[in-house]
Amino acid sequence: MTDIFREVDEEVRRDKATEFWNKHGNKLIIGAVAIVLAVGGWRFYRDYQFKERAALGAQFEASIAEAEAGKTDALAAVAGQKTGTYPTLARFRLASELAAKAKDDAGRKDAVSAFDTLANDAALPAEWRDIARLRAGMVLVDGGSYDEVEKRLTPLSAPGQTFANAAREAIALAAYRAGKFDKALDALQAIVLDVDAPANLRQRAETLLAVVRSGPVGAKK
């Protein structure tokens, strides 16, 4: 009797399994195929991205070499790409090239405009945007007004800001150039008193303090 019940039970289970397969088999097959395709698609996309990044990285390195030789067309091509880090780095390098070549107000204006575009790009990380603001202000140290430099860099010079001391140094240089020695002293002293300021920057600030305290170049003692 036990064997009979076992056979009946197995037959019932087979019937239920067959019924379940007939009802859901196609769905299970489609689901399995979808999983295989998804995994394969993800691996293909990951490999494609890796190869694409590697190719763009090589293109960026080659464009830097060309930029050092005075040719920026390849760098501009990388900057024109839509995704990834390399296009942003290329944009920063192009702006830096403009700043390095700026010899007059028009050239400085172009460089500042390039950095301002980066500073206003909401898609970039906050620190990258701050770097662009800092670089724009530094370009203006040599040719812009003190008020313009101060307006741009004062927010970056506040305590706790990542580039506070670099901004303070630029403000000090612009103030000294404009004959605003009190402003220069304030900015430099803030660097010297900041225990978090890098040692080399504090040393430079101390040297500049001595220069500022001596007054304008050529002034009589």
N, C-alpha and C. Protein backbone atom coordinates (compact mmCIF):
# COMPACT_ATOMS: atom_id res chain seq x y z
N MET A 1 0.83 -1.22 0.00
CA MET A 1 0.00 0.00 0.00
C MET A 1 0.85 1.26 0.00
N THR A 2 1.95 1.19 0.76
CA THR A 2 2.83 2.36 0.81
C THR A 2 3.38 2.70 -0.56
N ASP A 3 3.74 1.64 -1.34
CA ASP A 3 4.29 1.88 -2.67
C ASP A 3 3.24 2.50 -3.58
N ILE A 4 2.01 2.06 -3.44
CA ILE A 4 0.93 2.59 -4.28
C ILE A 4 0.74 4.07 -4.00
N PHE A 5 0.69 4.43 -2.69
CA PHE A 5 0.52 5.84 -2.34
C PHE A 5 1.69 6.69 -2.84
N ARG A 6 2.90 6.10 -2.76
CA ARG A 6 4.08 6.84 -3.22
C ARG A 6 4.00 7.10 -4.72
N GLU A 7 3.59 6.08 -5.48
CA GLU A 7 3.47 6.23 -6.92
C GLU A 7 2.42 7.28 -7.28
N VAL A 8 1.28 7.22 -6.55
CA VAL A 8 0.22 8.21 -6.79
C VAL A 8 0.71 9.61 -6.49
N ASP A 9 1.45 9.73 -5.35
CA ASP A 9 1.96 11.05 -4.95
C ASP A 9 2.94 11.59 -5.98
N GLU A 10 3.82 10.73 -6.48
CA GLU A 10 4.79 11.16 -7.50
C GLU A 10 4.09 11.56 -8.79
N GLU A 11 3.05 10.80 -9.15
CA GLU A 11 2.32 11.12 -10.38
C GLU A 11 1.61 12.46 -10.25
N VAL A 12 1.05 12.69 -9.04
CA VAL A 12 0.38 13.98 -8.81
C VAL A 12 1.38 15.12 -8.93
N ARG A 13 2.58 14.92 -8.34
CA ARG A 13 3.60 15.97 -8.41
C ARG A 13 4.04 16.22 -9.85
N ARG A 14 4.17 15.10 -10.64
CA ARG A 14 4.54 15.26 -12.05
C ARG A 14 3.47 16.02 -12.81
N ASP A 15 2.22 15.70 -12.50
CA ASP A 15 1.12 16.39 -13.18
C ASP A 15 1.13 17.87 -12.84
N LYS A 16 1.38 18.18 -11.57
CA LYS A 16 1.41 19.58 -11.15
C LYS A 16 2.59 20.30 -11.79
N ALA A 17 3.73 19.61 -11.85
CA ALA A 17 4.91 20.21 -12.46
C ALA A 17 4.66 20.47 -13.94
N THR A 18 4.03 19.48 -14.60
CA THR A 18 3.73 19.66 -16.03
C THR A 18 2.77 20.81 -16.23
N GLU A 19 1.74 20.84 -15.36
CA GLU A 19 0.76 21.93 -15.46
C GLU A 19 1.43 23.29 -15.23
N PHE A 20 2.31 23.34 -14.23
CA PHE A 20 3.01 24.60 -13.93
C PHE A 20 3.89 25.02 -15.11
N TRP A 21 4.60 24.05 -15.69
CA TRP A 21 5.48 24.36 -16.82
C TRP A 21 4.68 24.84 -18.02
N ASN A 22 3.57 24.14 -18.28
CA ASN A 22 2.75 24.54 -19.42
C ASN A 22 2.21 25.96 -19.25
N LYS A 23 1.94 26.33 -17.99
CA LYS A 23 1.37 27.63 -17.72
C LYS A 23 2.43 28.74 -17.66
N HIS A 24 3.61 28.41 -17.09
CA HIS A 24 4.61 29.45 -16.84
C HIS A 24 5.94 29.22 -17.55
N GLY A 25 6.05 28.15 -18.31
CA GLY A 25 7.33 27.81 -18.93
C GLY A 25 7.88 28.92 -19.81
N ASN A 26 7.02 29.47 -20.66
CA ASN A 26 7.48 30.53 -21.56
C ASN A 26 7.99 31.74 -20.79
N LYS A 27 7.30 32.06 -19.70
CA LYS A 27 7.72 33.20 -18.89
C LYS A 27 9.10 32.95 -18.28
N LEU A 28 9.29 31.71 -17.80
CA LEU A 28 10.58 31.37 -17.20
C LEU A 28 11.70 31.45 -18.22
N ILE A 29 11.43 30.95 -19.42
CA ILE A 29 12.45 31.01 -20.49
C ILE A 29 12.77 32.45 -20.84
N ILE A 30 11.71 33.25 -21.00
CA ILE A 30 11.93 34.67 -21.35
C ILE A 30 12.71 35.37 -20.24
N GLY A 31 12.37 35.07 -18.98
CA GLY A 31 13.08 35.68 -17.85
C GLY A 31 14.54 35.30 -17.83
N ALA A 32 14.81 34.00 -18.07
CA ALA A 32 16.20 33.53 -18.08
C ALA A 32 16.99 34.18 -19.20
N VAL A 33 16.39 34.27 -20.37
CA VAL A 33 17.05 34.90 -21.51
C VAL A 33 17.32 36.38 -21.22
N ALA A 34 16.33 37.03 -20.58
CA ALA A 34 16.48 38.45 -20.25
C ALA A 34 17.66 38.66 -19.29
N ILE A 35 17.78 37.76 -18.31
CA ILE A 35 18.90 37.87 -17.36
C ILE A 35 20.23 37.69 -18.07
N VAL A 36 20.30 36.69 -18.94
CA VAL A 36 21.54 36.44 -19.69
C VAL A 36 21.89 37.65 -20.55
N LEU A 37 20.88 38.19 -21.23
CA LEU A 37 21.12 39.35 -22.09
C LEU A 37 21.53 40.57 -21.26
N ALA A 38 20.91 40.75 -20.09
CA ALA A 38 21.24 41.89 -19.24
C ALA A 38 22.68 41.80 -18.75
N VAL A 39 23.08 40.60 -18.30
CA VAL A 39 24.45 40.42 -17.82
C VAL A 39 25.43 40.62 -18.96
N GLY A 40 25.11 40.02 -20.11
CA GLY A 40 25.99 40.18 -21.26
C GLY A 40 26.06 41.62 -21.72
N GLY A 41 24.90 42.28 -21.72
CA GLY A 41 24.87 43.69 -22.13
C GLY A 41 25.67 44.57 -21.20
N TRP A 42 25.55 44.32 -19.89
CA TRP A 42 26.30 45.11 -18.91
C TRP A 42 27.81 44.92 -19.10
N ARG A 43 28.23 43.67 -19.31
CA ARG A 43 29.65 43.41 -19.51
C ARG A 43 30.15 44.09 -20.78
N PHE A 44 29.33 44.01 -21.82
CA PHE A 44 29.71 44.66 -23.08
C PHE A 44 29.83 46.17 -22.88
N TYR A 45 28.85 46.76 -22.17
CA TYR A 45 28.87 48.21 -21.94
C TYR A 45 30.06 48.61 -21.09
N ARG A 46 30.36 47.78 -20.05
CA ARG A 46 31.50 48.08 -19.18
C ARG A 46 32.81 48.02 -19.97
N ASP A 47 32.95 46.98 -20.79
CA ASP A 47 34.16 46.85 -21.61
C ASP A 47 34.28 48.00 -22.60
N TYR A 48 33.13 48.37 -23.17
CA TYR A 48 33.11 49.47 -24.14
C TYR A 48 33.53 50.77 -23.46
N GLN A 49 32.98 51.02 -22.26
CA GLN A 49 33.34 52.23 -21.53
C GLN A 49 34.83 52.27 -21.20
N PHE A 50 35.35 51.12 -20.77
CA PHE A 50 36.78 51.05 -20.42
C PHE A 50 37.64 51.38 -21.65
N LYS A 51 37.30 50.76 -22.77
CA LYS A 51 38.07 51.01 -23.99
C LYS A 51 37.93 52.46 -24.44
N GLU A 52 36.70 53.00 -24.29
CA GLU A 52 36.47 54.38 -24.69
C GLU A 52 37.26 55.34 -23.82
N ARG A 53 37.26 55.10 -22.48
CA ARG A 53 38.04 55.95 -21.57
C ARG A 53 39.52 55.85 -21.85
N ALA A 54 39.99 54.62 -22.13
CA ALA A 54 41.41 54.44 -22.43
C ALA A 54 41.80 55.19 -23.69
N ALA A 55 40.94 55.12 -24.70
CA ALA A 55 41.22 55.81 -25.95
C ALA A 55 41.21 57.33 -25.75
N LEU A 56 40.25 57.82 -24.96
CA LEU A 56 40.16 59.26 -24.72
C LEU A 56 41.34 59.73 -23.87
N GLY A 57 41.79 58.87 -22.93
CA GLY A 57 42.95 59.20 -22.12
C GLY A 57 44.19 59.34 -22.98
N ALA A 58 44.37 58.42 -23.91
CA ALA A 58 45.52 58.49 -24.83
C ALA A 58 45.42 59.73 -25.70
N GLN A 59 44.20 60.04 -26.14
CA GLN A 59 44.00 61.25 -26.97
C GLN A 59 44.33 62.50 -26.16
N PHE A 60 43.93 62.50 -24.88
CA PHE A 60 44.21 63.66 -24.02
C PHE A 60 45.72 63.85 -23.83
N GLU A 61 46.43 62.76 -23.56
CA GLU A 61 47.88 62.85 -23.37
C GLU A 61 48.56 63.38 -24.63
N ALA A 62 48.11 62.90 -25.78
CA ALA A 62 48.69 63.37 -27.04
C ALA A 62 48.39 64.85 -27.26
N SER A 63 47.18 65.27 -26.87
CA SER A 63 46.79 66.67 -27.06
C SER A 63 47.60 67.59 -26.14
N ILE A 64 47.95 67.11 -24.94
CA ILE A 64 48.78 67.89 -24.03
C ILE A 64 50.16 68.11 -24.63
N ALA A 65 50.70 67.05 -25.21
CA ALA A 65 52.02 67.15 -25.85
C ALA A 65 51.97 68.17 -26.99
N GLU A 66 50.90 68.17 -27.75
CA GLU A 66 50.76 69.13 -28.84
C GLU A 66 50.60 70.55 -28.30
N ALA A 67 49.85 70.68 -27.19
CA ALA A 67 49.65 72.01 -26.59
C ALA A 67 50.97 72.59 -26.11
N GLU A 68 51.84 71.74 -25.58
CA GLU A 68 53.14 72.21 -25.13
C GLU A 68 54.00 72.70 -26.31
N ALA A 69 53.64 72.21 -27.49
CA ALA A 69 54.34 72.66 -28.69
C ALA A 69 53.62 73.84 -29.35
N GLY A 70 52.58 74.33 -28.68
CA GLY A 70 51.87 75.51 -29.19
C GLY A 70 50.66 75.21 -30.05
N LYS A 71 50.26 73.94 -30.13
CA LYS A 71 49.11 73.56 -30.96
C LYS A 71 47.98 73.07 -30.05
N THR A 72 46.83 73.68 -30.15
CA THR A 72 45.73 73.35 -29.23
C THR A 72 44.50 72.76 -29.92
N ASP A 73 44.60 72.46 -31.22
CA ASP A 73 43.44 71.91 -31.93
C ASP A 73 43.02 70.56 -31.34
N ALA A 74 44.00 69.70 -31.07
CA ALA A 74 43.69 68.38 -30.53
C ALA A 74 43.09 68.50 -29.13
N LEU A 75 43.59 69.45 -28.36
CA LEU A 75 43.06 69.69 -27.01
C LEU A 75 41.61 70.16 -27.09
N ALA A 76 41.32 71.02 -28.05
CA ALA A 76 39.95 71.50 -28.24
C ALA A 76 39.02 70.36 -28.64
N ALA A 77 39.55 69.40 -29.40
CA ALA A 77 38.74 68.25 -29.80
C ALA A 77 38.37 67.40 -28.60
N VAL A 78 39.31 67.21 -27.68
CA VAL A 78 39.01 66.46 -26.46
C VAL A 78 38.01 67.23 -25.61
N ALA A 79 38.20 68.53 -25.50
CA ALA A 79 37.29 69.37 -24.70
C ALA A 79 35.87 69.33 -25.24
N GLY A 80 35.73 69.04 -26.52
CA GLY A 80 34.41 69.01 -27.14
C GLY A 80 33.63 67.73 -26.87
N GLN A 81 34.28 66.74 -26.27
CA GLN A 81 33.57 65.50 -25.93
C GLN A 81 32.53 65.79 -24.85
N LYS A 82 31.51 64.96 -24.77
CA LYS A 82 30.38 65.25 -23.89
C LYS A 82 30.46 64.62 -22.50
N THR A 83 31.19 63.53 -22.36
CA THR A 83 31.19 62.85 -21.06
C THR A 83 32.60 62.53 -20.61
N GLY A 84 32.74 62.27 -19.30
CA GLY A 84 34.02 61.87 -18.75
C GLY A 84 34.79 63.03 -18.16
N THR A 85 35.91 62.69 -17.53
CA THR A 85 36.75 63.68 -16.86
C THR A 85 37.70 64.38 -17.82
N TYR A 86 38.18 63.65 -18.82
CA TYR A 86 39.18 64.22 -19.72
C TYR A 86 38.71 65.48 -20.45
N PRO A 87 37.46 65.54 -20.91
CA PRO A 87 37.01 66.78 -21.54
C PRO A 87 37.10 67.99 -20.61
N THR A 88 36.77 67.79 -19.33
CA THR A 88 36.86 68.89 -18.37
C THR A 88 38.32 69.30 -18.16
N LEU A 89 39.20 68.31 -18.02
CA LEU A 89 40.62 68.62 -17.87
C LEU A 89 41.13 69.38 -19.09
N ALA A 90 40.66 69.00 -20.25
CA ALA A 90 41.07 69.69 -21.47
C ALA A 90 40.58 71.14 -21.47
N ARG A 91 39.37 71.35 -20.97
CA ARG A 91 38.85 72.72 -20.89
C ARG A 91 39.68 73.58 -19.94
N PHE A 92 40.07 72.99 -18.81
CA PHE A 92 40.94 73.72 -17.88
C PHE A 92 42.29 74.03 -18.53
N ARG A 93 42.82 73.07 -19.26
CA ARG A 93 44.12 73.29 -19.90
C ARG A 93 44.02 74.37 -20.98
N LEU A 94 42.93 74.36 -21.73
CA LEU A 94 42.74 75.41 -22.75
C LEU A 94 42.66 76.79 -22.11
N ALA A 95 41.93 76.88 -20.99
CA ALA A 95 41.84 78.16 -20.28
C ALA A 95 43.22 78.58 -19.76
N SER A 96 43.99 77.62 -19.28
CA SER A 96 45.33 77.92 -18.78
C SER A 96 46.25 78.38 -19.91
N GLU A 97 46.07 77.79 -21.09
CA GLU A 97 46.85 78.21 -22.26
C GLU A 97 46.53 79.67 -22.60
N LEU A 98 45.26 80.02 -22.53
CA LEU A 98 44.87 81.41 -22.81
C LEU A 98 45.50 82.35 -21.78
N ALA A 99 45.49 81.92 -20.51
CA ALA A 99 46.06 82.76 -19.45
C ALA A 99 47.55 82.93 -19.64
N ALA A 100 48.25 81.85 -20.04
CA ALA A 100 49.70 81.92 -20.22
C ALA A 100 50.08 82.83 -21.39
N LYS A 101 49.21 82.88 -22.38
CA LYS A 101 49.52 83.67 -23.57
C LYS A 101 48.96 85.09 -23.50
N ALA A 102 48.19 85.40 -22.47
CA ALA A 102 47.56 86.72 -22.36
C ALA A 102 48.63 87.80 -22.14
N LYS A 103 48.70 88.74 -23.06
CA LYS A 103 49.68 89.82 -22.95
C LYS A 103 49.02 91.20 -22.84
N ASP A 104 47.71 91.23 -23.01
CA ASP A 104 46.99 92.50 -22.94
C ASP A 104 45.61 92.26 -22.34
N ASP A 105 44.84 93.34 -22.25
CA ASP A 105 43.51 93.23 -21.64
C ASP A 105 42.61 92.26 -22.39
N ALA A 106 42.70 92.27 -23.72
CA ALA A 106 41.86 91.38 -24.52
C ALA A 106 42.19 89.92 -24.24
N GLY A 107 43.49 89.62 -24.15
CA GLY A 107 43.90 88.25 -23.88
C GLY A 107 43.48 87.81 -22.49
N ARG A 108 43.64 88.70 -21.51
CA ARG A 108 43.22 88.36 -20.15
C ARG A 108 41.71 88.17 -20.08
N LYS A 109 40.99 88.98 -20.83
CA LYS A 109 39.53 88.86 -20.84
C LYS A 109 39.11 87.49 -21.37
N ASP A 110 39.78 87.02 -22.41
CA ASP A 110 39.45 85.70 -22.97
C ASP A 110 39.75 84.60 -21.96
N ALA A 111 40.88 84.72 -21.28
CA ALA A 111 41.24 83.70 -20.28
C ALA A 111 40.24 83.70 -19.13
N VAL A 112 39.90 84.87 -18.63
CA VAL A 112 38.94 84.97 -17.52
C VAL A 112 37.59 84.40 -17.95
N SER A 113 37.19 84.70 -19.16
CA SER A 113 35.91 84.20 -19.67
C SER A 113 35.90 82.67 -19.71
N ALA A 114 37.03 82.08 -20.12
CA ALA A 114 37.12 80.61 -20.19
C ALA A 114 37.01 80.01 -18.79
N PHE A 115 37.68 80.62 -17.82
CA PHE A 115 37.59 80.11 -16.45
C PHE A 115 36.21 80.36 -15.86
N ASP A 116 35.60 81.49 -16.20
CA ASP A 116 34.26 81.79 -15.70
C ASP A 116 33.25 80.76 -16.21
N THR A 117 33.42 80.34 -17.46
CA THR A 117 32.53 79.33 -18.02
C THR A 117 32.60 78.04 -17.22
N LEU A 118 33.82 77.66 -16.82
CA LEU A 118 33.99 76.48 -15.99
C LEU A 118 33.39 76.70 -14.59
N ALA A 119 33.62 77.88 -14.05
CA ALA A 119 33.12 78.18 -12.70
C ALA A 119 31.60 78.15 -12.64
N ASN A 120 30.96 78.44 -13.74
CA ASN A 120 29.50 78.49 -13.78
C ASN A 120 28.86 77.20 -14.30
N ASP A 121 29.68 76.19 -14.51
CA ASP A 121 29.17 74.92 -15.02
C ASP A 121 28.67 74.08 -13.84
N ALA A 122 27.38 74.02 -13.68
CA ALA A 122 26.79 73.31 -12.53
C ALA A 122 27.05 71.81 -12.56
N ALA A 123 27.46 71.29 -13.70
CA ALA A 123 27.72 69.86 -13.79
C ALA A 123 29.06 69.47 -13.16
N LEU A 124 29.90 70.45 -12.90
CA LEU A 124 31.22 70.16 -12.33
C LEU A 124 31.16 70.10 -10.80
N PRO A 125 32.07 69.34 -10.19
CA PRO A 125 32.14 69.31 -8.72
C PRO A 125 32.44 70.70 -8.18
N ALA A 126 31.99 70.98 -6.97
CA ALA A 126 32.13 72.31 -6.38
C ALA A 126 33.60 72.76 -6.31
N GLU A 127 34.49 71.85 -5.93
CA GLU A 127 35.89 72.23 -5.81
C GLU A 127 36.50 72.59 -7.16
N TRP A 128 36.08 71.90 -8.21
CA TRP A 128 36.59 72.23 -9.54
C TRP A 128 36.13 73.63 -9.94
N ARG A 129 34.90 73.94 -9.59
CA ARG A 129 34.38 75.27 -9.91
C ARG A 129 35.13 76.34 -9.12
N ASP A 130 35.47 76.03 -7.87
CA ASP A 130 36.25 76.97 -7.06
C ASP A 130 37.64 77.18 -7.65
N ILE A 131 38.24 76.11 -8.17
CA ILE A 131 39.54 76.25 -8.82
C ILE A 131 39.44 77.21 -10.00
N ALA A 132 38.37 77.07 -10.77
CA ALA A 132 38.17 77.97 -11.92
C ALA A 132 38.01 79.42 -11.46
N ARG A 133 37.27 79.64 -10.37
CA ARG A 133 37.11 80.99 -9.84
C ARG A 133 38.45 81.56 -9.37
N LEU A 134 39.22 80.71 -8.72
CA LEU A 134 40.54 81.13 -8.24
C LEU A 134 41.44 81.50 -9.41
N ARG A 135 41.45 80.67 -10.44
CA ARG A 135 42.31 80.94 -11.59
C ARG A 135 41.90 82.22 -12.31
N ALA A 136 40.58 82.45 -12.41
CA ALA A 136 40.11 83.68 -13.03
C ALA A 136 40.59 84.89 -12.25
N GLY A 137 40.49 84.81 -10.93
CA GLY A 137 40.96 85.92 -10.09
C GLY A 137 42.45 86.14 -10.21
N MET A 138 43.22 85.04 -10.32
CA MET A 138 44.67 85.16 -10.44
C MET A 138 45.08 85.80 -11.76
N VAL A 139 44.31 85.53 -12.81
CA VAL A 139 44.58 86.18 -14.10
C VAL A 139 44.41 87.69 -13.97
N LEU A 140 43.41 88.09 -13.19
CA LEU A 140 43.11 89.52 -13.04
C LEU A 140 44.10 90.24 -12.12
N VAL A 141 44.89 89.49 -11.36
CA VAL A 141 45.87 90.13 -10.48
C VAL A 141 46.82 91.00 -11.29
N ASP A 142 47.21 90.54 -12.45
CA ASP A 142 48.18 91.26 -13.28
C ASP A 142 47.56 92.38 -14.11
N GLY A 143 46.28 92.30 -14.38
CA GLY A 143 45.72 93.30 -15.29
C GLY A 143 44.38 93.86 -14.91
N GLY A 144 43.71 93.26 -13.93
CA GLY A 144 42.40 93.75 -13.54
C GLY A 144 42.50 94.71 -12.37
N SER A 145 41.37 95.23 -11.96
CA SER A 145 41.34 96.13 -10.82
C SER A 145 41.35 95.34 -9.53
N TYR A 146 41.81 95.99 -8.45
CA TYR A 146 41.80 95.32 -7.15
C TYR A 146 40.37 94.96 -6.74
N ASP A 147 39.44 95.87 -6.98
CA ASP A 147 38.05 95.63 -6.58
C ASP A 147 37.49 94.38 -7.25
N GLU A 148 37.87 94.18 -8.51
CA GLU A 148 37.37 93.01 -9.24
C GLU A 148 37.97 91.72 -8.65
N VAL A 149 39.27 91.76 -8.34
CA VAL A 149 39.92 90.60 -7.75
C VAL A 149 39.31 90.30 -6.38
N GLU A 150 39.14 91.35 -5.58
CA GLU A 150 38.58 91.18 -4.23
C GLU A 150 37.17 90.60 -4.30
N LYS A 151 36.36 91.11 -5.20
CA LYS A 151 34.98 90.64 -5.33
C LYS A 151 34.94 89.15 -5.69
N ARG A 152 35.84 88.72 -6.57
CA ARG A 152 35.84 87.34 -7.02
C ARG A 152 36.40 86.39 -5.96
N LEU A 153 37.44 86.82 -5.27
CA LEU A 153 38.19 85.90 -4.42
C LEU A 153 37.85 85.95 -2.93
N THR A 154 37.20 87.01 -2.48
CA THR A 154 36.86 87.09 -1.06
C THR A 154 36.03 85.90 -0.58
N PRO A 155 35.02 85.45 -1.34
CA PRO A 155 34.28 84.26 -0.88
C PRO A 155 35.17 83.03 -0.72
N LEU A 156 36.19 82.93 -1.56
CA LEU A 156 37.09 81.77 -1.49
C LEU A 156 38.10 81.89 -0.36
N SER A 157 38.30 83.12 0.15
CA SER A 157 39.31 83.35 1.19
C SER A 157 38.77 83.18 2.61
N ALA A 158 37.51 82.90 2.74
CA ALA A 158 36.91 82.75 4.07
C ALA A 158 37.48 81.53 4.79
N PRO A 159 37.58 81.59 6.11
CA PRO A 159 38.10 80.45 6.88
C PRO A 159 37.33 79.17 6.56
N GLY A 160 38.07 78.10 6.38
CA GLY A 160 37.44 76.81 6.11
C GLY A 160 37.30 76.49 4.64
N GLN A 161 37.47 77.48 3.79
CA GLN A 161 37.40 77.23 2.35
C GLN A 161 38.65 76.48 1.89
N THR A 162 38.48 75.59 0.94
CA THR A 162 39.58 74.74 0.49
C THR A 162 40.77 75.54 -0.02
N PHE A 163 40.49 76.60 -0.76
CA PHE A 163 41.58 77.37 -1.38
C PHE A 163 41.72 78.75 -0.74
N ALA A 164 41.40 78.82 0.56
CA ALA A 164 41.39 80.12 1.25
C ALA A 164 42.72 80.84 1.16
N ASN A 165 43.81 80.14 1.42
CA ASN A 165 45.11 80.82 1.48
C ASN A 165 45.63 81.20 0.10
N ALA A 166 45.33 80.39 -0.90
CA ALA A 166 45.71 80.77 -2.26
C ALA A 166 44.95 82.03 -2.68
N ALA A 167 43.67 82.10 -2.30
CA ALA A 167 42.87 83.28 -2.61
C ALA A 167 43.40 84.50 -1.86
N ARG A 168 43.79 84.32 -0.60
CA ARG A 168 44.33 85.43 0.20
C ARG A 168 45.62 85.97 -0.42
N GLU A 169 46.46 85.05 -0.89
CA GLU A 169 47.71 85.48 -1.51
C GLU A 169 47.45 86.31 -2.76
N ALA A 170 46.51 85.86 -3.58
CA ALA A 170 46.18 86.60 -4.80
C ALA A 170 45.60 87.97 -4.46
N ILE A 171 44.76 88.03 -3.43
CA ILE A 171 44.19 89.31 -2.99
C ILE A 171 45.32 90.23 -2.52
N ALA A 172 46.27 89.69 -1.77
CA ALA A 172 47.39 90.48 -1.27
C ALA A 172 48.21 91.07 -2.42
N LEU A 173 48.48 90.26 -3.43
CA LEU A 173 49.26 90.73 -4.57
C LEU A 173 48.53 91.82 -5.34
N ALA A 174 47.21 91.62 -5.52
CA ALA A 174 46.42 92.64 -6.22
C ALA A 174 46.37 93.92 -5.40
N ALA A 175 46.25 93.79 -4.09
CA ALA A 175 46.20 94.98 -3.22
C ALA A 175 47.54 95.72 -3.26
N TYR A 176 48.64 94.99 -3.20
CA TYR A 176 49.96 95.64 -3.25
C TYR A 176 50.15 96.37 -4.57
N ARG A 177 49.73 95.71 -5.65
CA ARG A 177 49.85 96.33 -6.97
C ARG A 177 49.03 97.61 -7.06
N ALA A 178 47.88 97.65 -6.36
CA ALA A 178 46.99 98.82 -6.39
C ALA A 178 47.36 99.85 -5.33
N GLY A 179 48.40 99.58 -4.55
CA GLY A 179 48.80 100.52 -3.51
C GLY A 179 47.94 100.45 -2.26
N LYS A 180 47.16 99.40 -2.12
CA LYS A 180 46.31 99.23 -0.94
C LYS A 180 47.07 98.34 0.06
N PHE A 181 48.05 98.93 0.74
CA PHE A 181 48.96 98.15 1.57
C PHE A 181 48.27 97.55 2.80
N ASP A 182 47.31 98.26 3.36
CA ASP A 182 46.58 97.71 4.51
C ASP A 182 45.84 96.43 4.13
N LYS A 183 45.24 96.45 2.96
CA LYS A 183 44.52 95.25 2.48
C LYS A 183 45.50 94.10 2.26
N ALA A 184 46.66 94.44 1.69
CA ALA A 184 47.66 93.41 1.46
C ALA A 184 48.15 92.81 2.77
N LEU A 185 48.40 93.68 3.75
CA LEU A 185 48.86 93.21 5.06
C LEU A 185 47.82 92.30 5.71
N ASP A 186 46.56 92.68 5.63
CA ASP A 186 45.50 91.88 6.24
C ASP A 186 45.46 90.47 5.63
N ALA A 187 45.54 90.42 4.30
CA ALA A 187 45.47 89.13 3.62
C ALA A 187 46.67 88.25 3.95
N LEU A 188 47.86 88.85 3.97
CA LEU A 188 49.07 88.08 4.24
C LEU A 188 49.13 87.62 5.69
N GLN A 189 48.70 88.47 6.60
CA GLN A 189 48.69 88.09 8.01
C GLN A 189 47.71 86.94 8.27
N ALA A 190 46.62 86.94 7.52
CA ALA A 190 45.65 85.84 7.66
C ALA A 190 46.28 84.52 7.26
N ILE A 191 47.16 84.55 6.26
CA ILE A 191 47.87 83.33 5.86
C ILE A 191 48.84 82.89 6.95
N VAL A 192 49.64 83.83 7.43
CA VAL A 192 50.66 83.52 8.44
C VAL A 192 50.03 82.96 9.71
N LEU A 193 48.88 83.47 10.08
CA LEU A 193 48.22 83.06 11.32
C LEU A 193 47.38 81.78 11.16
N ASP A 194 47.23 81.32 9.95
CA ASP A 194 46.42 80.13 9.69
C ASP A 194 47.30 78.89 9.88
N VAL A 195 47.05 78.15 10.94
CA VAL A 195 47.89 76.97 11.24
C VAL A 195 47.71 75.87 10.19
N ASP A 196 46.64 75.95 9.44
CA ASP A 196 46.40 74.94 8.41
C ASP A 196 47.03 75.30 7.07
N ALA A 197 47.60 76.48 6.97
CA ALA A 197 48.22 76.90 5.71
C ALA A 197 49.48 76.07 5.47
N PRO A 198 49.73 75.66 4.24
CA PRO A 198 50.96 74.92 3.93
C PRO A 198 52.19 75.73 4.32
N ALA A 199 53.24 75.05 4.78
CA ALA A 199 54.44 75.72 5.26
C ALA A 199 55.07 76.63 4.21
N ASN A 200 55.13 76.14 2.97
CA ASN A 200 55.76 76.95 1.91
C ASN A 200 54.96 78.22 1.63
N LEU A 201 53.63 78.12 1.73
CA LEU A 201 52.79 79.29 1.49
C LEU A 201 52.95 80.30 2.63
N ARG A 202 53.06 79.81 3.86
CA ARG A 202 53.26 80.71 5.00
C ARG A 202 54.61 81.41 4.90
N GLN A 203 55.62 80.69 4.48
CA GLN A 203 56.94 81.30 4.31
C GLN A 203 56.91 82.38 3.23
N ARG A 204 56.20 82.09 2.15
CA ARG A 204 56.08 83.08 1.08
C ARG A 204 55.33 84.30 1.57
N ALA A 205 54.29 84.07 2.38
CA ALA A 205 53.51 85.19 2.92
C ALA A 205 54.37 86.06 3.83
N GLU A 206 55.22 85.42 4.62
CA GLU A 206 56.11 86.19 5.49
C GLU A 206 57.09 87.05 4.68
N THR A 207 57.58 86.49 3.59
CA THR A 207 58.47 87.27 2.71
C THR A 207 57.73 88.45 2.10
N LEU A 208 56.50 88.18 1.64
CA LEU A 208 55.70 89.25 1.04
C LEU A 208 55.34 90.31 2.08
N LEU A 209 55.14 89.89 3.32
CA LEU A 209 54.86 90.86 4.38
C LEU A 209 56.00 91.85 4.53
N ALA A 210 57.22 91.35 4.48
CA ALA A 210 58.38 92.23 4.58
C ALA A 210 58.43 93.20 3.41
N VAL A 211 58.06 92.71 2.22
CA VAL A 211 58.06 93.57 1.04
C VAL A 211 56.98 94.65 1.18
N VAL A 212 55.79 94.26 1.61
CA VAL A 212 54.69 95.22 1.74
C VAL A 212 55.01 96.27 2.80
N ARG A 213 55.57 95.83 3.89
CA ARG A 213 55.91 96.76 4.98
C ARG A 213 57.00 97.78 4.58
N SER A 214 57.78 97.39 3.56
CA SER A 214 58.83 98.31 3.09
C SER A 214 58.26 99.41 2.21
N GLY A 215 56.99 99.26 1.82
CA GLY A 215 56.34 100.29 1.01
C GLY A 215 56.53 100.04 -0.49
N PRO A 216 56.10 101.00 -1.31
CA PRO A 216 56.21 100.86 -2.75
C PRO A 216 57.65 100.68 -3.20
N VAL A 217 57.87 100.01 -4.30
CA VAL A 217 59.21 99.86 -4.84
C VAL A 217 59.78 101.21 -5.17
N GLY A 218 60.99 101.46 -4.69
CA GLY A 218 61.64 102.74 -4.97
C GLY A 218 61.31 103.82 -3.96
N ALA A 219 60.49 103.49 -2.96
CA ALA A 219 60.12 104.49 -1.97
C ALA A 219 61.31 104.81 -1.09
N LYS A 220 61.46 106.08 -0.67
CA LYS A 220 62.56 106.49 0.17
C LYS A 220 62.31 106.10 1.62
N LYS A 221 63.34 105.69 2.31
CA LYS A 221 63.24 105.31 3.73
C LYS A 221 63.47 106.51 4.61
